[in-house]
């Protein structure tokens, strides 16, 4: 049987204000990873595969922070991370690997 891998790709943004403070968001308690923090951003939707990253990031920022956020985007990756679930991992907890 031919199996295909299913990947979910996400873009995260480090937003820094003029004082050098970095914005992080608390993950909701109702999520799979309560008590964690993350940078604004999210998964690339299937319909966005061919779009430039800047358009996807714009959608994510507006979705999470609203339309009034002003920012200057410098596209430069700073890290690559991955996480995945194992069905046999205790109670479906997420395993996380960060490079």
PDB file of N, CA and C in Angstrom:
ATOM      1  N   UNK A   1       0.837  -1.179   0.000  1.00  0.00           N
ATOM      2  CA  UNK A   1       0.000   0.000   0.000  1.00  0.00           C
ATOM      3  C   UNK A   1       0.884   1.246   0.000  1.00  0.00           C
ATOM      4  N   UNK A   2       0.554   2.182  -0.857  1.00  0.00           N
ATOM      5  CA  UNK A   2       1.321   3.424  -0.962  1.00  0.00           C
ATOM      6  C   UNK A   2       0.824   4.404   0.099  1.00  0.00           C
ATOM      7  N   UNK A   3       1.698   4.762   1.039  1.00  0.00           N
ATOM      8  CA  UNK A   3       1.332   5.711   2.084  1.00  0.00           C
ATOM      9  C   UNK A   3       1.963   7.055   1.781  1.00  0.00           C
ATOM     10  N   UNK A   4       1.204   8.107   2.011  1.00  0.00           N
ATOM     11  CA  UNK A   4       1.710   9.456   1.822  1.00  0.00           C
ATOM     12  C   UNK A   4       1.844  10.129   3.179  1.00  0.00           C
ATOM     13  N   UNK A   5       2.888  10.894   3.328  1.00  0.00           N
ATOM     14  CA  UNK A   5       3.086  11.645   4.569  1.00  0.00           C
ATOM     15  C   UNK A   5       2.148  12.842   4.578  1.00  0.00           C
ATOM     16  N   UNK A   6       1.657  13.167   5.746  1.00  0.00           N
ATOM     17  CA  UNK A   6       0.775  14.316   5.918  1.00  0.00           C
ATOM     18  C   UNK A   6       1.471  15.299   6.848  1.00  0.00           C
ATOM     19  N   UNK A   7       1.881  16.446   6.310  1.00  0.00           N
ATOM     20  CA  UNK A   7       2.587  17.443   7.088  1.00  0.00           C
ATOM     21  C   UNK A   7       1.716  18.673   7.285  1.00  0.00           C
ATOM     22  N   UNK A   8       1.826  19.268   8.441  1.00  0.00           N
ATOM     23  CA  UNK A   8       1.200  20.559   8.688  1.00  0.00           C
ATOM     24  C   UNK A   8       2.334  21.559   8.893  1.00  0.00           C
ATOM     25  N   UNK A   9       2.372  22.562   8.042  1.00  0.00           N
ATOM     26  CA  UNK A   9       3.433  23.553   8.095  1.00  0.00           C
ATOM     27  C   UNK A   9       2.882  24.818   8.723  1.00  0.00           C
ATOM     28  N   UNK A  10       3.627  25.384   9.654  1.00  0.00           N
ATOM     29  CA  UNK A  10       3.192  26.608  10.331  1.00  0.00           C
ATOM     30  C   UNK A  10       4.257  27.682  10.198  1.00  0.00           C
ATOM     31  N   UNK A  11       3.789  28.913  10.196  1.00  0.00           N
ATOM     32  CA  UNK A  11       4.672  30.078  10.213  1.00  0.00           C
ATOM     33  C   UNK A  11       4.430  30.822  11.514  1.00  0.00           C
ATOM     34  N   UNK A  12       5.472  31.168  12.198  1.00  0.00           N
ATOM     35  CA  UNK A  12       5.383  31.958  13.422  1.00  0.00           C
ATOM     36  C   UNK A  12       6.165  33.242  13.211  1.00  0.00           C
ATOM     37  N   UNK A  13       5.767  34.300  13.914  1.00  0.00           N
ATOM     38  CA  UNK A  13       6.375  35.606  13.722  1.00  0.00           C
ATOM     39  C   UNK A  13       6.878  36.126  15.068  1.00  0.00           C
ATOM     40  N   UNK A  14       8.076  36.656  15.067  1.00  0.00           N
ATOM     41  CA  UNK A  14       8.595  37.322  16.259  1.00  0.00           C
ATOM     42  C   UNK A  14       8.335  38.814  16.064  1.00  0.00           C
ATOM     43  N   UNK A  15       7.426  39.355  16.873  1.00  0.00           N
ATOM     44  CA  UNK A  15       7.087  40.773  16.804  1.00  0.00           C
ATOM     45  C   UNK A  15       7.783  41.491  17.950  1.00  0.00           C
ATOM     46  N   UNK A  16       8.593  42.495  17.595  1.00  0.00           N
ATOM     47  CA  UNK A  16       9.358  43.235  18.595  1.00  0.00           C
ATOM     48  C   UNK A  16       9.010  44.713  18.462  1.00  0.00           C
ATOM     49  N   UNK A  17       8.718  45.348  19.603  1.00  0.00           N
ATOM     50  CA  UNK A  17       8.387  46.770  19.554  1.00  0.00           C
ATOM     51  C   UNK A  17       9.650  47.616  19.653  1.00  0.00           C
ATOM     52  N   UNK A  18       9.492  48.934  19.661  1.00  0.00           N
ATOM     53  CA  UNK A  18      10.628  49.854  19.695  1.00  0.00           C
ATOM     54  C   UNK A  18      11.484  49.736  20.940  1.00  0.00           C
ATOM     55  N   UNK A  19      10.926  49.189  22.020  1.00  0.00           N
ATOM     56  CA  UNK A  19      11.684  49.000  23.267  1.00  0.00           C
ATOM     57  C   UNK A  19      12.437  47.672  23.282  1.00  0.00           C
ATOM     58  N   UNK A  20      12.258  46.875  22.227  1.00  0.00           N
ATOM     59  CA  UNK A  20      12.903  45.569  22.174  1.00  0.00           C
ATOM     60  C   UNK A  20      12.103  44.466  22.833  1.00  0.00           C
ATOM     61  N   UNK A  21      10.872  44.760  23.273  1.00  0.00           N
ATOM     62  CA  UNK A  21      10.016  43.748  23.886  1.00  0.00           C
ATOM     63  C   UNK A  21       9.434  42.844  22.808  1.00  0.00           C
ATOM     64  N   UNK A  22       9.364  41.558  23.083  1.00  0.00           N
ATOM     65  CA  UNK A  22       8.865  40.576  22.125  1.00  0.00           C
ATOM     66  C   UNK A  22       7.498  40.086  22.570  1.00  0.00           C
ATOM     67  N   UNK A  23       6.559  40.048  21.629  1.00  0.00           N
ATOM     68  CA  UNK A  23       5.197  39.600  21.925  1.00  0.00           C
ATOM     69  C   UNK A  23       5.110  38.084  21.880  1.00  0.00           C
ATOM     70  N   UNK A  24       4.584  37.505  22.953  1.00  0.00           N
ATOM     71  CA  UNK A  24       4.256  36.081  22.966  1.00  0.00           C
ATOM     72  C   UNK A  24       2.817  35.951  23.427  1.00  0.00           C
ATOM     73  N   UNK A  25       2.148  34.901  22.987  1.00  0.00           N
ATOM     74  CA  UNK A  25       0.741  34.672  23.307  1.00  0.00           C
ATOM     75  C   UNK A  25       0.613  33.434  24.177  1.00  0.00           C
ATOM     76  N   UNK A  26      -0.230  33.512  25.205  1.00  0.00           N
ATOM     77  CA  UNK A  26      -0.482  32.343  26.049  1.00  0.00           C
ATOM     78  C   UNK A  26      -1.431  31.417  25.312  1.00  0.00           C
ATOM     79  N   UNK A  27      -1.097  30.147  25.277  1.00  0.00           N
ATOM     80  CA  UNK A  27      -1.952  29.144  24.652  1.00  0.00           C
ATOM     81  C   UNK A  27      -3.184  28.962  25.548  1.00  0.00           C
ATOM     82  N   UNK A  28      -4.393  28.947  24.968  1.00  0.00           N
ATOM     83  CA  UNK A  28      -5.598  28.793  25.792  1.00  0.00           C
ATOM     84  C   UNK A  28      -5.575  27.505  26.622  1.00  0.00           C
ATOM     85  N   UNK A  29      -6.156  27.575  27.814  1.00  0.00           N
ATOM     86  CA  UNK A  29      -6.208  26.407  28.690  1.00  0.00           C
ATOM     87  C   UNK A  29      -6.977  25.251  28.060  1.00  0.00           C
ATOM     88  N   UNK A  30      -7.860  25.548  27.123  1.00  0.00           N
ATOM     89  CA  UNK A  30      -8.673  24.505  26.477  1.00  0.00           C
ATOM     90  C   UNK A  30      -7.935  23.791  25.337  1.00  0.00           C
ATOM     91  N   UNK A  31      -6.718  24.233  25.020  1.00  0.00           N
ATOM     92  CA  UNK A  31      -5.982  23.628  23.914  1.00  0.00           C
ATOM     93  C   UNK A  31      -5.288  22.346  24.351  1.00  0.00           C
ATOM     94  N   UNK A  32      -4.622  21.693  23.388  1.00  0.00           N
ATOM     95  CA  UNK A  32      -3.869  20.478  23.687  1.00  0.00           C
ATOM     96  C   UNK A  32      -2.584  20.770  24.450  1.00  0.00           C
ATOM     97  N   UNK A  33      -2.168  22.029  24.478  1.00  0.00           N
ATOM     98  CA  UNK A  33      -0.912  22.390  25.144  1.00  0.00           C
ATOM     99  C   UNK A  33      -1.131  23.569  26.091  1.00  0.00           C
ATOM    100  N   UNK A  34      -1.986  23.404  27.115  1.00  0.00           N
ATOM    101  CA  UNK A  34      -2.217  24.512  28.039  1.00  0.00           C
ATOM    102  C   UNK A  34      -0.940  24.858  28.806  1.00  0.00           C
ATOM    103  N   UNK A  35      -0.893  26.082  29.306  1.00  0.00           N
ATOM    104  CA  UNK A  35       0.239  26.586  30.092  1.00  0.00           C
ATOM    105  C   UNK A  35       1.518  26.776  29.277  1.00  0.00           C
ATOM    106  N   UNK A  36       1.407  26.772  27.967  1.00  0.00           N
ATOM    107  CA  UNK A  36       2.536  27.082  27.093  1.00  0.00           C
ATOM    108  C   UNK A  36       2.330  28.467  26.501  1.00  0.00           C
ATOM    109  N   UNK A  37       3.392  29.013  25.948  1.00  0.00           N
ATOM    110  CA  UNK A  37       3.333  30.287  25.235  1.00  0.00           C
ATOM    111  C   UNK A  37       3.861  30.053  23.835  1.00  0.00           C
ATOM    112  N   UNK A  38       3.427  30.904  22.904  1.00  0.00           N
ATOM    113  CA  UNK A  38       3.887  30.767  21.525  1.00  0.00           C
ATOM    114  C   UNK A  38       3.927  32.126  20.853  1.00  0.00           C
ATOM    115  N   UNK A  39       4.607  32.168  19.736  1.00  0.00           N
ATOM    116  CA  UNK A  39       4.634  33.375  18.933  1.00  0.00           C
ATOM    117  C   UNK A  39       3.376  33.414  18.074  1.00  0.00           C
ATOM    118  N   UNK A  40       2.937  34.620  17.664  1.00  0.00           N
ATOM    119  CA  UNK A  40       1.794  34.713  16.766  1.00  0.00           C
ATOM    120  C   UNK A  40       2.082  33.984  15.452  1.00  0.00           C
ATOM    121  N   UNK A  41       1.060  33.400  14.880  1.00  0.00           N
ATOM    122  CA  UNK A  41       1.198  32.681  13.615  1.00  0.00           C
ATOM    123  C   UNK A  41       0.363  31.432  13.638  1.00  0.00           C
ATOM    124  N   UNK A  42       0.502  30.622  12.621  1.00  0.00           N
ATOM    125  CA  UNK A  42      -0.285  29.400  12.568  1.00  0.00           C
ATOM    126  C   UNK A  42       0.001  28.581  11.328  1.00  0.00           C
ATOM    127  N   UNK A  43      -0.866  27.618  11.126  1.00  0.00           N
ATOM    128  CA  UNK A  43      -0.693  26.670  10.021  1.00  0.00           C
ATOM    129  C   UNK A  43      -1.011  27.296   8.672  1.00  0.00           C
ATOM    130  N   UNK A  44      -0.277  26.836   7.677  1.00  0.00           N
ATOM    131  CA  UNK A  44      -0.575  27.213   6.299  1.00  0.00           C
ATOM    132  C   UNK A  44      -1.723  26.334   5.842  1.00  0.00           C
ATOM    133  N   UNK A  45      -2.801  26.957   5.374  1.00  0.00           N
ATOM    134  CA  UNK A  45      -3.968  26.222   4.887  1.00  0.00           C
ATOM    135  C   UNK A  45      -3.656  25.620   3.519  1.00  0.00           C
ATOM    136  N   UNK A  46      -4.340  24.534   3.175  1.00  0.00           N
ATOM    137  CA  UNK A  46      -4.113  23.889   1.873  1.00  0.00           C
ATOM    138  C   UNK A  46      -4.307  24.868   0.722  1.00  0.00           C
ATOM    139  N   UNK A  47      -5.278  25.764   0.854  1.00  0.00           N
ATOM    140  CA  UNK A  47      -5.566  26.725  -0.217  1.00  0.00           C
ATOM    141  C   UNK A  47      -4.481  27.806  -0.337  1.00  0.00           C
ATOM    142  N   UNK A  48      -3.550  27.860   0.635  1.00  0.00           N
ATOM    143  CA  UNK A  48      -2.510  28.888   0.639  1.00  0.00           C
ATOM    144  C   UNK A  48      -1.145  28.388   0.172  1.00  0.00           C
ATOM    145  N   UNK A  49      -1.060  27.145  -0.228  1.00  0.00           N
ATOM    146  CA  UNK A  49       0.228  26.537  -0.563  1.00  0.00           C
ATOM    147  C   UNK A  49       1.017  27.375  -1.574  1.00  0.00           C
ATOM    148  N   UNK A  50       0.357  27.946  -2.560  1.00  0.00           N
ATOM    149  CA  UNK A  50       1.067  28.700  -3.601  1.00  0.00           C
ATOM    150  C   UNK A  50       1.238  30.181  -3.262  1.00  0.00           C
ATOM    151  N   UNK A  51       0.695  30.637  -2.134  1.00  0.00           N
ATOM    152  CA  UNK A  51       0.791  32.054  -1.769  1.00  0.00           C
ATOM    153  C   UNK A  51       2.162  32.385  -1.188  1.00  0.00           C
ATOM    154  N   UNK A  52       2.580  33.644  -1.357  1.00  0.00           N
ATOM    155  CA  UNK A  52       3.825  34.083  -0.710  1.00  0.00           C
ATOM    156  C   UNK A  52       3.659  34.075   0.816  1.00  0.00           C
ATOM    157  N   UNK A  53       4.731  33.803   1.541  1.00  0.00           N
ATOM    158  CA  UNK A  53       4.673  33.764   3.002  1.00  0.00           C
ATOM    159  C   UNK A  53       4.131  35.062   3.593  1.00  0.00           C
ATOM    160  N   UNK A  54       4.464  36.207   2.988  1.00  0.00           N
ATOM    161  CA  UNK A  54       4.015  37.495   3.525  1.00  0.00           C
ATOM    162  C   UNK A  54       2.496  37.583   3.600  1.00  0.00           C
ATOM    163  N   UNK A  55       1.796  37.032   2.608  1.00  0.00           N
ATOM    164  CA  UNK A  55       0.323  37.057   2.624  1.00  0.00           C
ATOM    165  C   UNK A  55      -0.228  36.149   3.715  1.00  0.00           C
ATOM    166  N   UNK A  56       0.410  35.011   3.910  1.00  0.00           N
ATOM    167  CA  UNK A  56      -0.042  34.072   4.937  1.00  0.00           C
ATOM    168  C   UNK A  56       0.191  34.673   6.323  1.00  0.00           C
ATOM    169  N   UNK A  57       1.344  35.284   6.510  1.00  0.00           N
ATOM    170  CA  UNK A  57       1.653  35.916   7.791  1.00  0.00           C
ATOM    171  C   UNK A  57       0.692  37.064   8.070  1.00  0.00           C
ATOM    172  N   UNK A  58       0.376  37.848   7.045  1.00  0.00           N
ATOM    173  CA  UNK A  58      -0.593  38.946   7.212  1.00  0.00           C
ATOM    174  C   UNK A  58      -1.935  38.402   7.700  1.00  0.00           C
ATOM    175  N   UNK A  59      -2.404  37.316   7.101  1.00  0.00           N
ATOM    176  CA  UNK A  59      -3.677  36.720   7.520  1.00  0.00           C
ATOM    177  C   UNK A  59      -3.595  36.266   8.967  1.00  0.00           C
ATOM    178  N   UNK A  60      -2.511  35.612   9.321  1.00  0.00           N
ATOM    179  CA  UNK A  60      -2.359  35.106  10.685  1.00  0.00           C
ATOM    180  C   UNK A  60      -2.312  36.231  11.713  1.00  0.00           C
ATOM    181  N   UNK A  61      -1.565  37.293  11.430  1.00  0.00           N
ATOM    182  CA  UNK A  61      -1.482  38.419  12.357  1.00  0.00           C
ATOM    183  C   UNK A  61      -2.850  39.056  12.533  1.00  0.00           C
ATOM    184  N   UNK A  62      -3.578  39.270  11.432  1.00  0.00           N
ATOM    185  CA  UNK A  62      -4.914  39.859  11.527  1.00  0.00           C
ATOM    186  C   UNK A  62      -5.868  38.941  12.275  1.00  0.00           C
ATOM    187  N   UNK A  63      -5.747  37.641  12.059  1.00  0.00           N
ATOM    188  CA  UNK A  63      -6.612  36.666  12.713  1.00  0.00           C
ATOM    189  C   UNK A  63      -6.375  36.645  14.224  1.00  0.00           C
ATOM    190  N   UNK A  64      -5.127  36.715  14.645  1.00  0.00           N
ATOM    191  CA  UNK A  64      -4.801  36.586  16.064  1.00  0.00           C
ATOM    192  C   UNK A  64      -4.729  37.913  16.807  1.00  0.00           C
ATOM    193  N   UNK A  65      -4.360  38.995  16.116  1.00  0.00           N
ATOM    194  CA  UNK A  65      -4.127  40.265  16.798  1.00  0.00           C
ATOM    195  C   UNK A  65      -5.010  41.408  16.318  1.00  0.00           C
ATOM    196  N   UNK A  66      -5.747  41.215  15.245  1.00  0.00           N
ATOM    197  CA  UNK A  66      -6.611  42.270  14.726  1.00  0.00           C
ATOM    198  C   UNK A  66      -5.995  42.985  13.543  1.00  0.00           C
ATOM    199  N   UNK A  67      -6.759  43.923  12.991  1.00  0.00           N
ATOM    200  CA  UNK A  67      -6.348  44.627  11.772  1.00  0.00           C
ATOM    201  C   UNK A  67      -5.522  45.884  12.049  1.00  0.00           C
ATOM    202  N   UNK A  68      -5.422  46.303  13.318  1.00  0.00           N
ATOM    203  CA  UNK A  68      -4.754  47.561  13.640  1.00  0.00           C
ATOM    204  C   UNK A  68      -3.281  47.416  13.998  1.00  0.00           C
ATOM    205  N   UNK A  69      -2.723  46.235  13.853  1.00  0.00           N
ATOM    206  CA  UNK A  69      -1.318  46.018  14.188  1.00  0.00           C
ATOM    207  C   UNK A  69      -0.446  46.468  13.023  1.00  0.00           C
ATOM    208  N   UNK A  70       0.483  47.369  13.320  1.00  0.00           N
ATOM    209  CA  UNK A  70       1.417  47.827  12.295  1.00  0.00           C
ATOM    210  C   UNK A  70       2.741  47.110  12.518  1.00  0.00           C
ATOM    211  N   UNK A  71       3.318  46.618  11.444  1.00  0.00           N
ATOM    212  CA  UNK A  71       4.566  45.871  11.557  1.00  0.00           C
ATOM    213  C   UNK A  71       5.366  45.981  10.268  1.00  0.00           C
ATOM    214  N   UNK A  72       6.650  45.761  10.392  1.00  0.00           N
ATOM    215  CA  UNK A  72       7.554  45.690   9.247  1.00  0.00           C
ATOM    216  C   UNK A  72       8.070  44.266   9.222  1.00  0.00           C
ATOM    217  N   UNK A  73       7.877  43.587   8.124  1.00  0.00           N
ATOM    218  CA  UNK A  73       8.239  42.178   8.030  1.00  0.00           C
ATOM    219  C   UNK A  73       9.598  42.009   7.362  1.00  0.00           C
ATOM    220  N   UNK A  74      10.484  41.342   8.072  1.00  0.00           N
ATOM    221  CA  UNK A  74      11.788  40.977   7.530  1.00  0.00           C
ATOM    222  C   UNK A  74      11.807  39.459   7.480  1.00  0.00           C
ATOM    223  N   UNK A  75      11.658  38.895   6.291  1.00  0.00           N
ATOM    224  CA  UNK A  75      11.575  37.434   6.144  1.00  0.00           C
ATOM    225  C   UNK A  75      12.952  36.808   6.309  1.00  0.00           C
ATOM    226  N   UNK A  76      13.140  36.215   7.459  1.00  0.00           N
ATOM    227  CA  UNK A  76      14.394  35.555   7.762  1.00  0.00           C
ATOM    228  C   UNK A  76      14.116  34.460   8.781  1.00  0.00           C
ATOM    229  N   UNK A  77      14.267  33.204   8.399  1.00  0.00           N
ATOM    230  CA  UNK A  77      14.002  32.143   9.376  1.00  0.00           C
ATOM    231  C   UNK A  77      15.034  32.173  10.500  1.00  0.00           C
ATOM    232  N   UNK A  78      14.548  31.975  11.728  1.00  0.00           N
ATOM    233  CA  UNK A  78      15.454  31.950  12.871  1.00  0.00           C
ATOM    234  C   UNK A  78      15.520  30.563  13.502  1.00  0.00           C
ATOM    235  N   UNK A  79      14.529  29.729  13.242  1.00  0.00           N
ATOM    236  CA  UNK A  79      14.529  28.375  13.810  1.00  0.00           C
ATOM    237  C   UNK A  79      13.567  27.497  13.038  1.00  0.00           C
ATOM    238  N   UNK A  80      13.810  26.218  13.139  1.00  0.00           N
ATOM    239  CA  UNK A  80      12.909  25.233  12.557  1.00  0.00           C
ATOM    240  C   UNK A  80      12.544  24.286  13.681  1.00  0.00           C
ATOM    241  N   UNK A  81      11.270  24.045  13.863  1.00  0.00           N
ATOM    242  CA  UNK A  81      10.822  23.131  14.916  1.00  0.00           C
ATOM    243  C   UNK A  81       9.796  22.171  14.367  1.00  0.00           C
ATOM    244  N   UNK A  82       9.582  21.097  15.085  1.00  0.00           N
ATOM    245  CA  UNK A  82       8.569  20.145  14.657  1.00  0.00           C
ATOM    246  C   UNK A  82       7.973  19.494  15.891  1.00  0.00           C
ATOM    247  N   UNK A  83       6.722  19.128  15.780  1.00  0.00           N
ATOM    248  CA  UNK A  83       6.096  18.331  16.829  1.00  0.00           C
ATOM    249  C   UNK A  83       5.076  17.419  16.186  1.00  0.00           C
ATOM    250  N   UNK A  84       4.878  16.272  16.795  1.00  0.00           N
ATOM    251  CA  UNK A  84       3.955  15.299  16.233  1.00  0.00           C
ATOM    252  C   UNK A  84       3.393  14.450  17.353  1.00  0.00           C
ATOM    253  N   UNK A  85       2.290  13.785  17.069  1.00  0.00           N
ATOM    254  CA  UNK A  85       1.642  12.935  18.059  1.00  0.00           C
ATOM    255  C   UNK A  85       1.900  11.474  17.732  1.00  0.00           C
ATOM    256  N   UNK A  86       2.060  10.687  18.748  1.00  0.00           N
ATOM    257  CA  UNK A  86       2.114   9.249  18.603  1.00  0.00           C
ATOM    258  C   UNK A  86       0.817   8.701  19.177  1.00  0.00           C
ATOM    259  N   UNK A  87       0.149   7.822  18.456  1.00  0.00           N
ATOM    260  CA  UNK A  87      -1.088   7.244  18.986  1.00  0.00           C
ATOM    261  C   UNK A  87      -0.819   6.456  20.262  1.00  0.00           C
ATOM    262  N   UNK A  88       0.368   5.854  20.342  1.00  0.00           N
ATOM    263  CA  UNK A  88       0.695   5.069  21.522  1.00  0.00           C
ATOM    264  C   UNK A  88       1.431   5.873  22.583  1.00  0.00           C
ATOM    265  N   UNK A  89       1.682   7.159  22.337  1.00  0.00           N
ATOM    266  CA  UNK A  89       2.323   8.013  23.325  1.00  0.00           C
ATOM    267  C   UNK A  89       1.317   8.248  24.445  1.00  0.00           C
ATOM    268  N   UNK A  90       1.738   8.290  25.686  1.00  0.00           N
ATOM    269  CA  UNK A  90       0.793   8.375  26.814  1.00  0.00           C
ATOM    270  C   UNK A  90      -0.282   9.434  26.637  1.00  0.00           C
ATOM    271  N   UNK A  91      -1.509   9.001  26.602  1.00  0.00           N
ATOM    272  CA  UNK A  91      -2.696   9.859  26.513  1.00  0.00           C
ATOM    273  C   UNK A  91      -2.616  10.879  25.391  1.00  0.00           C
ATOM    274  N   UNK A  92      -2.030  10.485  24.266  1.00  0.00           N
ATOM    275  CA  UNK A  92      -1.958  11.330  23.060  1.00  0.00           C
ATOM    276  C   UNK A  92      -1.226  12.640  23.289  1.00  0.00           C
ATOM    277  N   UNK A  93      -0.270  12.681  24.194  1.00  0.00           N
ATOM    278  CA  UNK A  93       0.508  13.903  24.422  1.00  0.00           C
ATOM    279  C   UNK A  93       1.347  14.193  23.193  1.00  0.00           C
ATOM    280  N   UNK A  94       1.660  15.442  23.012  1.00  0.00           N
ATOM    281  CA  UNK A  94       2.492  15.854  21.879  1.00  0.00           C
ATOM    282  C   UNK A  94       3.956  15.681  22.237  1.00  0.00           C
ATOM    283  N   UNK A  95       4.724  15.196  21.325  1.00  0.00           N
ATOM    284  CA  UNK A  95       6.181  15.176  21.464  1.00  0.00           C
ATOM    285  C   UNK A  95       6.692  16.355  20.676  1.00  0.00           C
ATOM    286  N   UNK A  96       7.614  17.081  21.225  1.00  0.00           N
ATOM    287  CA  UNK A  96       8.130  18.248  20.535  1.00  0.00           C
ATOM    288  C   UNK A  96       9.624  18.151  20.355  1.00  0.00           C
ATOM    289  N   UNK A  97      10.067  18.508  19.187  1.00  0.00           N
ATOM    290  CA  UNK A  97      11.486  18.575  18.876  1.00  0.00           C
ATOM    291  C   UNK A  97      11.756  19.957  18.308  1.00  0.00           C
ATOM    292  N   UNK A  98      12.746  20.635  18.816  1.00  0.00           N
ATOM    293  CA  UNK A  98      13.115  21.942  18.295  1.00  0.00           C
ATOM    294  C   UNK A  98      14.578  21.905  17.896  1.00  0.00           C
ATOM    295  N   UNK A  99      14.869  22.411  16.723  1.00  0.00           N
ATOM    296  CA  UNK A  99      16.236  22.415  16.208  1.00  0.00           C
ATOM    297  C   UNK A  99      16.879  23.763  16.471  1.00  0.00           C
TER     298      UNK A  99
END
